[in-house]
Amino acid sequence: MLSGKKFILCSASPRRQHLIAGMGLDFVVDTGNTFTESVEDGVPFREIPVRMSEGKSLGFHRPLEEDEILITADTMVILSDEILGKPADRDDAVRMLHDISGRVHEVVTAVTLRDVRKMKTFTDSALVHFAPLTDEEIEFYVDKYKPFDKAGAYGIQEWIGYIGIEKVEGSFYNIAGLPSQKLWKELKEFI
């Protein structure tokens, strides 16, 4: 249904690549980018993933060709009034998991679609309810799975998701890094 276009995923995330492949899209991965991932102080939390996703799109390393659609994304974890990005190291990952243990947090993903004529960004959000985690569970997960490339220091599709997540309000795939159902809908409208 979405044939005739060449999809480019500008993301090194194996989870995003797996989700796009699962959607049946014929795509290539090209992570060449000149965008520096930062935003100025004072930007509202929910606007940050939008700015990051659009920055990645506009920072793509070459002009797009007529039949190409570029897909970029950014996912952010919000706990109360704190953004939990990717952990800097083991201690930071342990701290983040202690913070989300027994609490509810929000996961916001922004996705940008761009071709030679237009650009569109959409967002999706989900609430994640975490059970209380023990020190032993947190340390086991961090040491075995090394979630240093994941916002909030966890992957919903990994061991910690199986044993720690009590409930999700919203798209599971959004939490994994790409709201695939919404992406499908938006791609049909974009094309």
Foldseek 3Di string as FASTA:
>chain_A
DLPQAEEEEQDPDPLVVVLCVVVVDHYYYDNAFDADQDDDPPDDPLCSFVVRQVSSVVRHPDAADQRYKYKGKDKWKADPHDIQFQAPDLVRLLVLCQSLAQHKIKMKMKMWIDHNPDIDIDMFMKIWGWHHDDSVRSNVCCVPVVQRNAGSNDACPDPCVVPTTDDMGGASSVNNPDRSVVVVVVSVVVD
